[in-house]
């Protein structure tokens, strides 16, 4: 059984330091490669699905979260406000808060311009930081942290468009899971419970729940009370780690509450102002939780397109090191993440074992150097044999580009 906390440190993906504080891991270079690849991936699939990306500040005035409802319903999970002291009379006494969510910021971005019904649905996405004041006792590795990089998006649409947009978001989640080599363990319709932490508007809950039930028609799921967001019900896509522990990775939510609180509107075909519906969705959830799950699900053997090092080149002796370095340079020129592991790092056998999680190993001895080839070893134990370097780089580049699972498909 793989524990991402142990394996993540062994693989030099992330670490922690008491001076940074609990729940605030930092990313090492190889971990940063994985994170960057995930962020580029999700931006790519979102752009293809019609989303436009924005950036918004990680701070907001306390008043912003009072309007959104986070302050009254969620303040126990938020960091205390920071009161400004200097900066002139106009700013003295302002209270700024580390944001617990991106949705209030996106509501303000939507509100900053007028909108026609012809623009809808308007799909707004961001990979942004959010912060939660988690108790020290629940923090661990990358799964429970205080600083979160969230893949978040908000779709502003008409009531008639809401179910289709939520369904499309669920389909996008399914595509991402297939590309990442993971699977959902179950789908959950999360409803409010008896707690006072939920917005008291029965009509809001009935309308939003009916729409999500429509989205889940034909999808096996179960309804669970007490797991909703404070402003509305949500579809939770659950994952299970190798130890059998379940958690939520991705969500789809329908929100009538915040469009009302922020007085959002669009101009309809009748020339009158109408209230949009806000669909919240996260395809890959938080980058931290996703990487933790990927490390455990794959045992550190990431899919080719995510692997920190995709190709390691191993010269048998010093005489082949220059030729091996040339192969590394050619691979890098093609966008392949390649490294040299020369004789200075130990015997060939030791170097092969050290690179056991790298998808492709290219061994270059005297014969291979003379023939312009490399003896290829695959992570899964197969040995395709001597392959011309150009052919090898073409295969590796193609497999990294198409995000396929098969390392060495038949030619």
Protein backbone atom coordinates (compact mmCIF):
# COMPACT_ATOMS: atom_id res chain seq x y z
CA UNK A 1 0.00 0.00 0.00
CA UNK A 2 1.37 3.39 -1.02
CA UNK A 3 1.27 6.38 1.32
CA UNK A 4 1.69 9.65 -0.59
CA UNK A 5 3.36 11.29 2.42
CA UNK A 6 6.21 8.77 2.39
CA UNK A 7 6.40 8.26 -1.38
CA UNK A 8 6.07 11.96 -2.15
CA UNK A 9 9.16 12.68 -0.08
CA UNK A 10 11.09 9.71 -1.51
CA UNK A 11 10.32 10.96 -5.02
CA UNK A 12 11.28 14.54 -4.11
CA UNK A 13 7.82 15.88 -4.95
CA UNK A 14 7.10 17.92 -1.83
CA UNK A 15 8.16 18.46 1.76
CA UNK A 16 7.34 20.55 4.82
CA UNK A 17 9.23 22.69 7.30
CA UNK A 18 8.14 23.72 10.81
CA UNK A 19 9.05 27.32 10.04
CA UNK A 20 6.50 27.38 7.24
CA UNK A 21 3.89 25.90 9.52
CA UNK A 22 1.64 22.84 9.55
CA UNK A 23 -0.51 22.31 6.51
CA UNK A 24 1.73 24.44 4.28
CA UNK A 25 3.81 22.04 2.14
CA UNK A 26 6.25 23.33 -0.45
CA UNK A 27 6.78 21.81 -3.89
CA UNK A 28 10.21 20.53 -4.93
CA UNK A 29 11.27 20.73 -8.61
CA UNK A 30 9.87 17.32 -9.64
CA UNK A 31 6.63 18.01 -7.79
CA UNK A 32 6.42 21.39 -9.45
CA UNK A 33 6.69 19.66 -12.85
CA UNK A 34 3.70 17.45 -12.00
CA UNK A 35 1.72 20.40 -10.69
CA UNK A 36 2.52 22.50 -13.75
CA UNK A 37 1.52 19.68 -16.11
CA UNK A 38 -1.81 19.29 -14.31
CA UNK A 39 -2.50 23.01 -14.39
CA UNK A 40 -1.69 23.23 -18.11
CA UNK A 41 -3.85 20.19 -18.77
CA UNK A 42 -6.91 21.55 -17.02
CA UNK A 43 -6.56 24.95 -18.70
CA UNK A 44 -6.36 23.18 -22.06
CA UNK A 45 -9.49 21.08 -21.56
CA UNK A 46 -11.37 24.05 -20.11
CA UNK A 47 -10.49 26.26 -23.09
CA UNK A 48 -11.68 23.51 -25.43
CA UNK A 49 -14.96 23.38 -23.48
CA UNK A 50 -15.59 27.12 -23.87
CA UNK A 51 -14.22 28.47 -20.58
CA UNK A 52 -12.35 31.75 -20.31
CA UNK A 53 -9.73 32.16 -17.60
CA UNK A 54 -9.36 34.95 -15.09
CA UNK A 55 -7.14 35.85 -12.13
CA UNK A 56 -8.47 37.31 -8.92
CA UNK A 57 -6.83 38.38 -5.61
CA UNK A 58 -6.42 35.92 -2.76
CA UNK A 59 -7.60 38.64 -0.36
CA UNK A 60 -10.95 40.35 -0.03
CA UNK A 61 -12.62 42.76 2.36
CA UNK A 62 -14.62 41.18 5.12
CA UNK A 63 -17.69 42.86 3.65
CA UNK A 64 -17.31 40.76 0.49
CA UNK A 65 -17.72 37.54 2.46
CA UNK A 66 -20.55 39.01 4.51
CA UNK A 67 -22.44 39.61 1.28
CA UNK A 68 -21.67 36.13 -0.09
CA UNK A 69 -22.73 34.48 3.18
CA UNK A 70 -19.35 32.92 3.92
CA UNK A 71 -18.83 35.07 7.00
CA UNK A 72 -22.07 34.04 8.69
CA UNK A 73 -22.06 30.39 7.58
CA UNK A 74 -18.38 29.52 7.18
CA UNK A 75 -16.27 31.83 9.37
CA UNK A 76 -15.11 29.00 11.65
CA UNK A 77 -13.11 27.66 8.67
CA UNK A 78 -11.67 31.06 7.72
CA UNK A 79 -8.52 32.79 8.91
CA UNK A 80 -9.14 35.85 11.13
CA UNK A 81 -9.36 39.23 9.39
CA UNK A 82 -6.23 41.36 9.06
CA UNK A 83 -6.85 44.97 10.08
CA UNK A 84 -4.90 47.53 8.09
CA UNK A 85 -3.09 50.10 10.19
CA UNK A 86 -1.21 52.39 7.81
CA UNK A 87 -1.76 53.62 4.28
CA UNK A 88 -3.77 56.76 5.02
CA UNK A 89 -7.14 57.49 6.53
CA UNK A 90 -9.08 55.97 3.62
CA UNK A 91 -7.67 52.45 4.28
CA UNK A 92 -7.01 52.56 8.03
CA UNK A 93 -9.27 50.14 9.86
CA UNK A 94 -10.18 48.04 6.77
CA UNK A 95 -10.36 44.33 7.41
CA UNK A 96 -8.95 41.99 4.77
CA UNK A 97 -9.55 38.25 4.76
CA UNK A 98 -7.71 35.38 3.03
CA UNK A 99 -10.39 34.02 0.75
CA UNK A 100 -12.00 30.68 1.63
CA UNK A 101 -13.53 30.37 -1.84
CA UNK A 102 -13.24 31.87 -5.32
CA UNK A 103 -16.95 32.24 -6.06
CA UNK A 104 -17.47 35.71 -4.48
CA UNK A 105 -14.59 37.06 -6.57
CA UNK A 106 -16.04 35.61 -9.75
CA UNK A 107 -19.43 37.09 -8.91
CA UNK A 108 -17.77 40.52 -8.73
CA UNK A 109 -16.01 39.96 -12.06
CA UNK A 110 -19.35 39.05 -13.67
CA UNK A 111 -21.01 42.08 -12.06
CA UNK A 112 -18.33 44.46 -13.38
CA UNK A 113 -19.82 44.39 -16.89
CA UNK A 114 -23.36 44.34 -18.25
CA UNK A 115 -24.43 41.12 -19.95
CA UNK A 116 -26.99 40.14 -22.55
CA UNK A 117 -28.76 36.79 -22.72
CA UNK A 118 -26.85 36.27 -25.98
CA UNK A 119 -23.57 35.97 -23.98
CA UNK A 120 -24.87 33.17 -21.80
CA UNK A 121 -23.72 30.71 -20.74
CA UNK A 122 -20.62 32.62 -19.60
CA UNK A 123 -18.03 30.13 -18.33
CA UNK A 124 -15.36 31.65 -16.07
CA UNK A 125 -12.46 29.54 -14.77
CA UNK A 126 -9.44 30.06 -12.52
CA UNK A 127 -6.68 28.05 -10.91
CA UNK A 128 -6.41 30.07 -7.74
CA UNK A 129 -5.30 29.97 -4.15
CA UNK A 130 -7.76 29.69 -1.29
CA UNK A 131 -7.18 29.27 2.43
CA UNK A 132 -8.82 27.36 5.23
CA UNK A 133 -8.05 27.53 8.92
CA UNK A 134 -7.89 23.78 9.46
CA UNK A 135 -7.14 22.51 13.00
CA UNK A 136 -3.61 21.13 13.34
CA UNK A 137 -4.91 17.69 14.30
CA UNK A 138 -6.53 17.01 10.91
CA UNK A 139 -3.65 18.18 8.70
CA UNK A 140 -1.63 15.61 6.79
CA UNK A 141 0.53 15.49 3.67
CA UNK A 142 -1.26 17.02 0.69
CA UNK A 143 -4.77 15.82 1.50
CA UNK A 144 -5.57 18.31 4.28
CA UNK A 145 -3.73 21.61 3.93
CA UNK A 146 -4.31 25.25 4.78
CA UNK A 147 -3.21 26.72 1.45
CA UNK A 148 -5.09 25.20 -1.48
CA UNK A 149 -4.62 25.61 -5.23
CA UNK A 150 -8.15 25.06 -6.52
CA UNK A 151 -9.31 24.32 -10.03
CA UNK A 152 -12.54 26.29 -9.90
CA UNK A 153 -15.05 27.60 -12.40
CA UNK A 154 -18.40 29.37 -12.37
CA UNK A 155 -20.91 29.30 -15.16
CA UNK A 156 -23.42 32.14 -15.32
CA UNK A 157 -26.42 30.99 -17.30
CA UNK A 158 -30.19 31.11 -17.65
CA UNK A 159 -32.41 28.79 -15.67
CA UNK A 160 -33.14 26.84 -18.85
CA UNK A 161 -29.40 26.29 -19.45
CA UNK A 162 -28.44 25.25 -15.92
CA UNK A 163 -29.05 21.49 -16.11
CA UNK A 164 -27.24 21.13 -19.44
CA UNK A 165 -24.25 23.11 -18.14
CA UNK A 166 -24.06 21.01 -14.98
CA UNK A 167 -24.29 17.82 -17.04
CA UNK A 168 -21.51 19.03 -19.36
CA UNK A 169 -19.36 19.74 -16.30
CA UNK A 170 -19.92 16.18 -15.09
CA UNK A 171 -18.87 14.87 -18.51
CA UNK A 172 -15.71 16.99 -18.37
CA UNK A 173 -14.87 15.44 -15.00
CA UNK A 174 -15.24 11.97 -16.54
CA UNK A 175 -12.86 12.86 -19.38
CA UNK A 176 -10.25 14.20 -16.95
CA UNK A 177 -10.40 11.07 -14.82
CA UNK A 178 -9.84 8.91 -17.91
CA UNK A 179 -6.80 11.00 -18.91
CA UNK A 180 -5.42 10.85 -15.35
CA UNK A 181 -5.85 7.09 -15.05
CA UNK A 182 -8.14 7.30 -12.00
CA UNK A 183 -11.79 6.49 -11.46
CA UNK A 184 -14.70 7.73 -9.43
CA UNK A 185 -15.78 5.33 -6.67
CA UNK A 186 -19.30 6.80 -6.49
CA UNK A 187 -21.43 9.87 -7.11
CA UNK A 188 -23.16 11.60 -4.22
CA UNK A 189 -25.96 14.13 -4.18
CA UNK A 190 -25.11 16.18 -1.12
CA UNK A 191 -28.10 17.78 0.58
CA UNK A 192 -28.52 20.03 3.63
CA UNK A 193 -29.00 18.61 7.11
CA UNK A 194 -30.56 19.97 10.28
CA UNK A 195 -27.59 22.21 11.10
CA UNK A 196 -28.01 25.97 11.10
CA UNK A 197 -25.02 26.38 8.79
CA UNK A 198 -27.23 26.36 5.68
CA UNK A 199 -29.02 29.23 3.98
CA UNK A 200 -32.62 29.27 5.19
CA UNK A 201 -34.49 29.34 1.88
CA UNK A 202 -36.56 26.19 1.23
CA UNK A 203 -37.51 27.33 -2.25
CA UNK A 204 -33.86 27.73 -3.23
CA UNK A 205 -33.03 24.23 -2.06
CA UNK A 206 -36.00 22.64 -3.84
CA UNK A 207 -35.18 24.28 -7.18
CA UNK A 208 -31.45 23.52 -7.05
CA UNK A 209 -31.99 19.93 -5.89
CA UNK A 210 -34.50 19.26 -8.67
CA UNK A 211 -32.00 20.45 -11.27
CA UNK A 212 -29.19 18.27 -9.92
CA UNK A 213 -31.50 15.26 -9.78
CA UNK A 214 -32.21 15.88 -13.46
CA UNK A 215 -28.46 15.96 -14.15
CA UNK A 216 -27.98 12.65 -12.30
CA UNK A 217 -30.83 10.89 -14.10
CA UNK A 218 -29.33 7.61 -15.32
CA UNK A 219 -26.22 7.97 -13.13
CA UNK A 220 -26.02 5.63 -10.16
CA UNK A 221 -25.74 7.78 -7.05
CA UNK A 222 -26.91 8.17 -3.49
CA UNK A 223 -28.28 11.15 -1.61
CA UNK A 224 -26.59 12.14 1.65
CA UNK A 225 -27.84 14.78 4.06
CA UNK A 226 -25.53 17.21 5.80
CA UNK A 227 -22.87 17.42 3.07
CA UNK A 228 -24.20 20.32 0.97
CA UNK A 229 -22.48 23.66 0.56
CA UNK A 230 -24.06 26.30 2.78
CA UNK A 231 -25.69 27.97 -0.25
CA UNK A 232 -26.93 24.95 -2.20
CA UNK A 233 -26.82 21.21 -2.95
CA UNK A 234 -23.98 19.67 -4.93
CA UNK A 235 -22.88 16.59 -6.79
CA UNK A 236 -19.75 15.19 -5.16
CA UNK A 237 -17.53 12.88 -7.19
CA UNK A 238 -15.95 10.54 -4.66
CA UNK A 239 -12.59 8.78 -4.95
CA UNK A 240 -11.16 6.01 -2.79
CA UNK A 241 -7.48 5.62 -1.94
CA UNK A 242 -5.67 2.24 -1.77
CA UNK A 243 -6.40 2.09 1.98
CA UNK A 244 -10.15 2.33 1.31
CA UNK A 245 -10.53 5.91 2.56
CA UNK A 246 -13.02 7.97 0.61
CA UNK A 247 -12.86 11.68 -0.14
CA UNK A 248 -14.39 14.23 -2.48
CA UNK A 249 -12.25 15.31 -5.40
CA UNK A 250 -14.60 17.04 -7.87
CA UNK A 251 -17.92 18.84 -7.46
CA UNK A 252 -20.79 20.32 -9.44
CA UNK A 253 -23.10 22.77 -7.67
CA UNK A 254 -26.12 24.87 -8.61
CA UNK A 255 -26.44 28.17 -6.78
CA UNK A 256 -29.42 30.54 -6.69
CA UNK A 257 -28.17 32.22 -3.50
CA UNK A 258 -25.12 34.24 -4.54
CA UNK A 259 -26.64 35.70 -7.73
CA UNK A 260 -29.32 37.12 -5.45
CA UNK A 261 -26.88 38.39 -2.82
CA UNK A 262 -24.68 40.12 -5.38
CA UNK A 263 -27.64 41.37 -7.43
CA UNK A 264 -26.37 39.73 -10.61
CA UNK A 265 -28.43 40.12 -13.74
CA UNK A 266 -28.49 39.92 -17.51
CA UNK A 267 -30.69 41.63 -20.06
CA UNK A 268 -33.17 39.19 -21.55
CA UNK A 269 -34.76 39.17 -25.02
CA UNK A 270 -37.62 41.23 -23.54
CA UNK A 271 -35.20 44.03 -22.60
CA UNK A 272 -35.78 43.43 -18.87
CA UNK A 273 -33.29 42.43 -16.17
CA UNK A 274 -33.22 38.74 -15.22
CA UNK A 275 -31.32 36.84 -12.54
CA UNK A 276 -28.71 34.30 -13.79
CA UNK A 277 -28.11 30.92 -12.22
CA UNK A 278 -24.56 30.22 -11.00
CA UNK A 279 -23.17 26.72 -11.63
CA UNK A 280 -20.04 26.00 -9.59
CA UNK A 281 -17.79 23.19 -10.76
CA UNK A 282 -14.30 21.84 -10.16
CA UNK A 283 -12.94 19.26 -12.59
CA UNK A 284 -9.83 18.15 -10.68
CA UNK A 285 -10.59 19.71 -7.28
CA UNK A 286 -7.52 20.91 -5.44
CA UNK A 287 -4.14 20.24 -7.02
CA UNK A 288 -2.83 19.08 -3.64
CA UNK A 289 -5.47 16.41 -3.08
CA UNK A 290 -5.27 15.25 -6.69
CA UNK A 291 -1.48 14.80 -6.59
CA UNK A 292 -1.78 12.89 -3.30
CA UNK A 293 -4.30 10.55 -4.92
CA UNK A 294 -2.26 10.13 -8.10
CA UNK A 295 0.88 9.24 -6.13
CA UNK A 296 -1.02 6.55 -4.23
CA UNK A 297 -3.11 5.28 -7.17
CA UNK A 298 -0.06 4.91 -9.45
CA UNK A 299 2.54 4.14 -6.78
CA UNK A 300 4.62 7.04 -8.12
CA UNK A 301 4.57 5.61 -11.68
CA UNK A 302 2.74 8.55 -13.23
CA UNK A 303 1.25 8.41 -16.72
CA UNK A 304 3.87 9.42 -19.29
CA UNK A 305 2.48 12.93 -19.77
CA UNK A 306 2.64 13.61 -16.02
CA UNK A 307 5.95 11.93 -15.16
CA UNK A 308 8.54 14.43 -13.84
CA UNK A 309 11.16 12.61 -15.97
CA UNK A 310 9.81 10.87 -19.06
CA UNK A 311 13.08 9.50 -20.46
CA UNK A 312 16.36 8.71 -18.72
CA UNK A 313 19.43 8.12 -20.87
CA UNK A 314 22.08 5.78 -19.43
CA UNK A 315 25.50 5.55 -21.06
CA UNK A 316 27.21 2.27 -20.21
CA UNK A 317 30.61 3.93 -19.77
CA UNK A 318 32.38 7.27 -19.94
CA UNK A 319 33.05 6.83 -23.65
CA UNK A 320 29.32 6.98 -24.42
CA UNK A 321 28.47 9.90 -22.15
CA UNK A 322 28.79 12.59 -24.82
CA UNK A 323 26.53 10.65 -27.20
CA UNK A 324 24.01 10.12 -24.38
CA UNK A 325 24.06 13.84 -23.57
CA UNK A 326 23.30 14.56 -27.23
CA UNK A 327 20.23 12.30 -26.99
CA UNK A 328 19.06 14.20 -23.91
CA UNK A 329 19.42 17.51 -25.75
CA UNK A 330 17.48 16.22 -28.75
CA UNK A 331 14.74 14.93 -26.47
CA UNK A 332 14.48 18.27 -24.67
CA UNK A 333 14.26 20.07 -28.01
CA UNK A 334 11.13 17.97 -28.70
CA UNK A 335 9.60 18.95 -25.35
CA UNK A 336 10.40 15.61 -23.69
CA UNK A 337 11.50 15.77 -20.05
CA UNK A 338 14.79 13.86 -20.22
CA UNK A 339 17.77 13.36 -17.90
CA UNK A 340 21.23 11.87 -18.14
CA UNK A 341 22.28 9.25 -15.59
CA UNK A 342 25.97 8.69 -16.20
CA UNK A 343 28.59 6.33 -14.74
CA UNK A 344 29.29 8.85 -11.99
CA UNK A 345 25.96 7.82 -10.44
CA UNK A 346 26.93 4.18 -9.97
CA UNK A 347 26.90 0.94 -11.87
CA UNK A 348 24.52 0.50 -14.80
CA UNK A 349 22.40 -1.88 -12.74
CA UNK A 350 22.14 0.61 -9.87
CA UNK A 351 21.20 3.40 -12.26
CA UNK A 352 18.54 1.26 -13.92
CA UNK A 353 17.02 0.45 -10.52
CA UNK A 354 17.12 4.10 -9.44
CA UNK A 355 15.13 5.02 -12.56
CA UNK A 356 12.55 2.24 -12.15
CA UNK A 357 9.59 4.70 -12.13
CA UNK A 358 10.72 6.58 -15.26
CA UNK A 359 8.55 5.45 -18.20
CA UNK A 360 11.45 5.04 -20.67
CA UNK A 361 15.11 4.11 -20.18
CA UNK A 362 17.55 4.39 -23.08
CA UNK A 363 20.81 2.48 -22.54
CA UNK A 364 23.67 3.45 -24.85
CA UNK A 365 26.69 1.17 -25.10
CA UNK A 366 29.43 1.02 -27.68
CA UNK A 367 27.34 -0.71 -30.36
CA UNK A 368 24.34 1.58 -29.84
CA UNK A 369 26.51 4.69 -30.00
CA UNK A 370 28.03 3.59 -33.31
CA UNK A 371 24.63 2.69 -34.82
CA UNK A 372 22.75 5.79 -33.58
CA UNK A 373 20.45 3.58 -31.50
CA UNK A 374 19.48 3.02 -27.88
CA UNK A 375 18.61 -0.19 -26.07
CA UNK A 376 15.16 0.61 -24.72
CA UNK A 377 13.79 -0.59 -21.39
CA UNK A 378 10.22 0.19 -20.36
CA UNK A 379 8.99 0.84 -16.85
CA UNK A 380 6.70 -2.20 -17.04
CA UNK A 381 9.69 -4.52 -17.60
CA UNK A 382 9.49 -4.93 -21.37
CA UNK A 383 12.62 -4.51 -23.50
CA UNK A 384 11.84 -3.55 -27.10
CA UNK A 385 15.56 -3.77 -27.85
CA UNK A 386 17.76 -1.51 -29.95
CA UNK A 387 15.74 1.31 -31.52
CA UNK A 388 17.00 4.22 -33.66
CA UNK A 389 17.11 7.33 -31.47
CA UNK A 390 14.83 9.26 -33.83
CA UNK A 391 12.20 6.51 -33.61
CA UNK A 392 12.44 6.39 -29.83
CA UNK A 393 12.00 10.15 -29.46
CA UNK A 394 9.09 10.11 -31.89
CA UNK A 395 7.34 7.42 -29.82
CA UNK A 396 7.97 9.07 -26.47
CA UNK A 397 6.89 12.49 -27.72
CA UNK A 398 3.74 11.11 -29.31
CA UNK A 399 2.78 9.19 -26.19
CA UNK A 400 3.35 12.19 -23.95
CA UNK A 401 1.28 14.32 -26.32
CA UNK A 402 -1.73 12.03 -26.67
CA UNK A 403 -1.82 11.15 -22.95
CA UNK A 404 -2.20 7.47 -23.73
CA UNK A 405 -1.75 4.77 -21.14
CA UNK A 406 0.13 2.23 -23.30
CA UNK A 407 3.90 2.75 -23.14
CA UNK A 408 4.84 0.92 -26.31
CA UNK A 409 1.94 0.20 -28.65
CA UNK A 410 2.57 -2.07 -31.62
CA UNK A 411 3.90 -0.17 -34.62
